[in-house]
């Protein structure tokens, strides 16, 4: 019995193929990175300005009734300016805080 090199190579190739045929190929797990929003306490403590006290709390009803229409209009305009200044000061004091 004389075997040629070619028949030995063919037989060994068939044996190797048969050994690999029963196993499924190895699948590498995939890793997927995603961004996730996480709540973090920032400790944003600022000195907020004091809110504007309304005219109805500052001026008693009897005194308000005795005021002239021009004085009432001037007081309302002054309060409107105070409220606008309060909004600007509040916006400036919380500008460094993160949005909610």
C-alpha atoms as a PDB file:
ATOM      1  CA  UNK A   1       0.000   0.000   0.000  1.00  0.00           C
ATOM      2  CA  UNK A   2       1.586   2.988  -1.240  1.00  0.00           C
ATOM      3  CA  UNK A   3      -0.018   6.350  -0.564  1.00  0.00           C
ATOM      4  CA  UNK A   4       0.878   9.369  -2.520  1.00  0.00           C
ATOM      5  CA  UNK A   5       1.440  12.735  -0.963  1.00  0.00           C
ATOM      6  CA  UNK A   6      -1.578  14.078  -2.770  1.00  0.00           C
ATOM      7  CA  UNK A   7      -3.949  11.467  -1.308  1.00  0.00           C
ATOM      8  CA  UNK A   8      -2.562  12.052   2.212  1.00  0.00           C
ATOM      9  CA  UNK A   9      -3.074  15.817   1.867  1.00  0.00           C
ATOM     10  CA  UNK A  10      -6.586  15.294   0.542  1.00  0.00           C
ATOM     11  CA  UNK A  11      -7.474  12.890   3.362  1.00  0.00           C
ATOM     12  CA  UNK A  12      -6.080  15.209   6.045  1.00  0.00           C
ATOM     13  CA  UNK A  13      -7.946  18.177   4.538  1.00  0.00           C
ATOM     14  CA  UNK A  14     -11.178  16.215   4.623  1.00  0.00           C
ATOM     15  CA  UNK A  15     -10.581  15.240   8.256  1.00  0.00           C
ATOM     16  CA  UNK A  16      -9.941  18.874   9.225  1.00  0.00           C
ATOM     17  CA  UNK A  17     -13.024  20.063   7.378  1.00  0.00           C
ATOM     18  CA  UNK A  18     -15.145  17.395   9.025  1.00  0.00           C
ATOM     19  CA  UNK A  19     -13.852  18.409  12.465  1.00  0.00           C
ATOM     20  CA  UNK A  20     -14.795  22.062  11.880  1.00  0.00           C
ATOM     21  CA  UNK A  21     -18.172  21.327  10.325  1.00  0.00           C
ATOM     22  CA  UNK A  22     -19.915  20.482  13.635  1.00  0.00           C
ATOM     23  CA  UNK A  23     -19.095  23.761  15.437  1.00  0.00           C
ATOM     24  CA  UNK A  24     -20.819  27.066  14.754  1.00  0.00           C
ATOM     25  CA  UNK A  25     -18.526  30.025  14.135  1.00  0.00           C
ATOM     26  CA  UNK A  26     -17.615  32.089  17.184  1.00  0.00           C
ATOM     27  CA  UNK A  27     -19.489  35.386  17.340  1.00  0.00           C
ATOM     28  CA  UNK A  28     -17.777  38.234  19.108  1.00  0.00           C
ATOM     29  CA  UNK A  29     -20.095  40.322  21.318  1.00  0.00           C
ATOM     30  CA  UNK A  30     -20.624  43.856  20.072  1.00  0.00           C
ATOM     31  CA  UNK A  31     -20.259  46.804  22.406  1.00  0.00           C
ATOM     32  CA  UNK A  32     -22.316  49.874  21.637  1.00  0.00           C
ATOM     33  CA  UNK A  33     -21.728  53.122  23.509  1.00  0.00           C
ATOM     34  CA  UNK A  34     -24.668  55.504  23.876  1.00  0.00           C
ATOM     35  CA  UNK A  35     -25.094  58.836  25.586  1.00  0.00           C
ATOM     36  CA  UNK A  36     -27.456  58.780  28.545  1.00  0.00           C
ATOM     37  CA  UNK A  37     -28.820  61.770  30.401  1.00  0.00           C
ATOM     38  CA  UNK A  38     -28.080  61.498  34.112  1.00  0.00           C
ATOM     39  CA  UNK A  39     -29.394  63.918  36.723  1.00  0.00           C
ATOM     40  CA  UNK A  40     -26.582  65.463  38.735  1.00  0.00           C
ATOM     41  CA  UNK A  41     -27.007  67.759  41.716  1.00  0.00           C
ATOM     42  CA  UNK A  42     -25.143  70.926  40.798  1.00  0.00           C
ATOM     43  CA  UNK A  43     -25.620  72.885  43.961  1.00  0.00           C
ATOM     44  CA  UNK A  44     -26.526  76.062  42.124  1.00  0.00           C
ATOM     45  CA  UNK A  45     -27.082  78.403  45.056  1.00  0.00           C
ATOM     46  CA  UNK A  46     -27.276  82.058  44.217  1.00  0.00           C
ATOM     47  CA  UNK A  47     -28.348  85.179  45.997  1.00  0.00           C
ATOM     48  CA  UNK A  48     -31.610  85.847  44.274  1.00  0.00           C
ATOM     49  CA  UNK A  49     -32.997  89.359  44.527  1.00  0.00           C
ATOM     50  CA  UNK A  50     -35.998  89.957  46.759  1.00  0.00           C
ATOM     51  CA  UNK A  51     -39.268  89.977  44.806  1.00  0.00           C
ATOM     52  CA  UNK A  52     -41.087  93.266  44.269  1.00  0.00           C
ATOM     53  CA  UNK A  53     -43.813  93.912  46.820  1.00  0.00           C
ATOM     54  CA  UNK A  54     -47.087  94.711  45.019  1.00  0.00           C
ATOM     55  CA  UNK A  55     -48.670  98.144  45.398  1.00  0.00           C
ATOM     56  CA  UNK A  56     -51.753  96.613  46.988  1.00  0.00           C
ATOM     57  CA  UNK A  57     -49.565  95.377  49.871  1.00  0.00           C
ATOM     58  CA  UNK A  58     -47.508  98.566  50.220  1.00  0.00           C
ATOM     59  CA  UNK A  59     -50.258 101.175  49.962  1.00  0.00           C
ATOM     60  CA  UNK A  60     -53.398 100.867  52.099  1.00  0.00           C
ATOM     61  CA  UNK A  61     -56.724 101.041  50.212  1.00  0.00           C
ATOM     62  CA  UNK A  62     -57.780 104.311  51.874  1.00  0.00           C
ATOM     63  CA  UNK A  63     -54.556 106.085  50.932  1.00  0.00           C
ATOM     64  CA  UNK A  64     -54.753 104.705  47.373  1.00  0.00           C
ATOM     65  CA  UNK A  65     -58.297 106.093  47.022  1.00  0.00           C
ATOM     66  CA  UNK A  66     -57.142 109.584  48.166  1.00  0.00           C
ATOM     67  CA  UNK A  67     -54.302 109.751  45.626  1.00  0.00           C
ATOM     68  CA  UNK A  68     -54.675 111.791  42.485  1.00  0.00           C
ATOM     69  CA  UNK A  69     -54.931 109.897  39.175  1.00  0.00           C
ATOM     70  CA  UNK A  70     -51.495 111.190  38.104  1.00  0.00           C
ATOM     71  CA  UNK A  71     -49.911 109.981  41.364  1.00  0.00           C
ATOM     72  CA  UNK A  72     -51.512 106.570  40.870  1.00  0.00           C
ATOM     73  CA  UNK A  73     -50.180 106.353  37.315  1.00  0.00           C
ATOM     74  CA  UNK A  74     -46.710 107.366  38.507  1.00  0.00           C
ATOM     75  CA  UNK A  75     -46.779 104.678  41.239  1.00  0.00           C
ATOM     76  CA  UNK A  76     -47.879 102.022  38.728  1.00  0.00           C
ATOM     77  CA  UNK A  77     -45.102 103.069  36.299  1.00  0.00           C
ATOM     78  CA  UNK A  78     -42.545 102.931  39.128  1.00  0.00           C
ATOM     79  CA  UNK A  79     -43.699  99.460  40.102  1.00  0.00           C
ATOM     80  CA  UNK A  80     -43.465  98.311  36.478  1.00  0.00           C
ATOM     81  CA  UNK A  81     -39.859  99.564  36.366  1.00  0.00           C
ATOM     82  CA  UNK A  82     -39.081  97.761  39.626  1.00  0.00           C
ATOM     83  CA  UNK A  83     -40.533  94.528  38.239  1.00  0.00           C
ATOM     84  CA  UNK A  84     -38.469  94.820  35.037  1.00  0.00           C
ATOM     85  CA  UNK A  85     -35.339  95.473  37.097  1.00  0.00           C
ATOM     86  CA  UNK A  86     -36.200  92.457  39.271  1.00  0.00           C
ATOM     87  CA  UNK A  87     -36.521  90.251  36.189  1.00  0.00           C
ATOM     88  CA  UNK A  88     -33.142  91.454  34.879  1.00  0.00           C
ATOM     89  CA  UNK A  89     -31.478  90.918  38.264  1.00  0.00           C
ATOM     90  CA  UNK A  90     -33.032  87.455  38.612  1.00  0.00           C
ATOM     91  CA  UNK A  91     -31.926  86.489  35.097  1.00  0.00           C
ATOM     92  CA  UNK A  92     -28.398  87.735  35.826  1.00  0.00           C
ATOM     93  CA  UNK A  93     -28.184  85.918  39.171  1.00  0.00           C
ATOM     94  CA  UNK A  94     -29.292  82.576  37.719  1.00  0.00           C
ATOM     95  CA  UNK A  95     -27.402  82.834  34.408  1.00  0.00           C
ATOM     96  CA  UNK A  96     -24.742  80.372  35.557  1.00  0.00           C
ATOM     97  CA  UNK A  97     -27.252  77.766  36.724  1.00  0.00           C
ATOM     98  CA  UNK A  98     -28.105  74.869  34.379  1.00  0.00           C
ATOM     99  CA  UNK A  99     -31.422  74.948  32.570  1.00  0.00           C
ATOM    100  CA  UNK A 100     -34.144  72.707  33.952  1.00  0.00           C
END
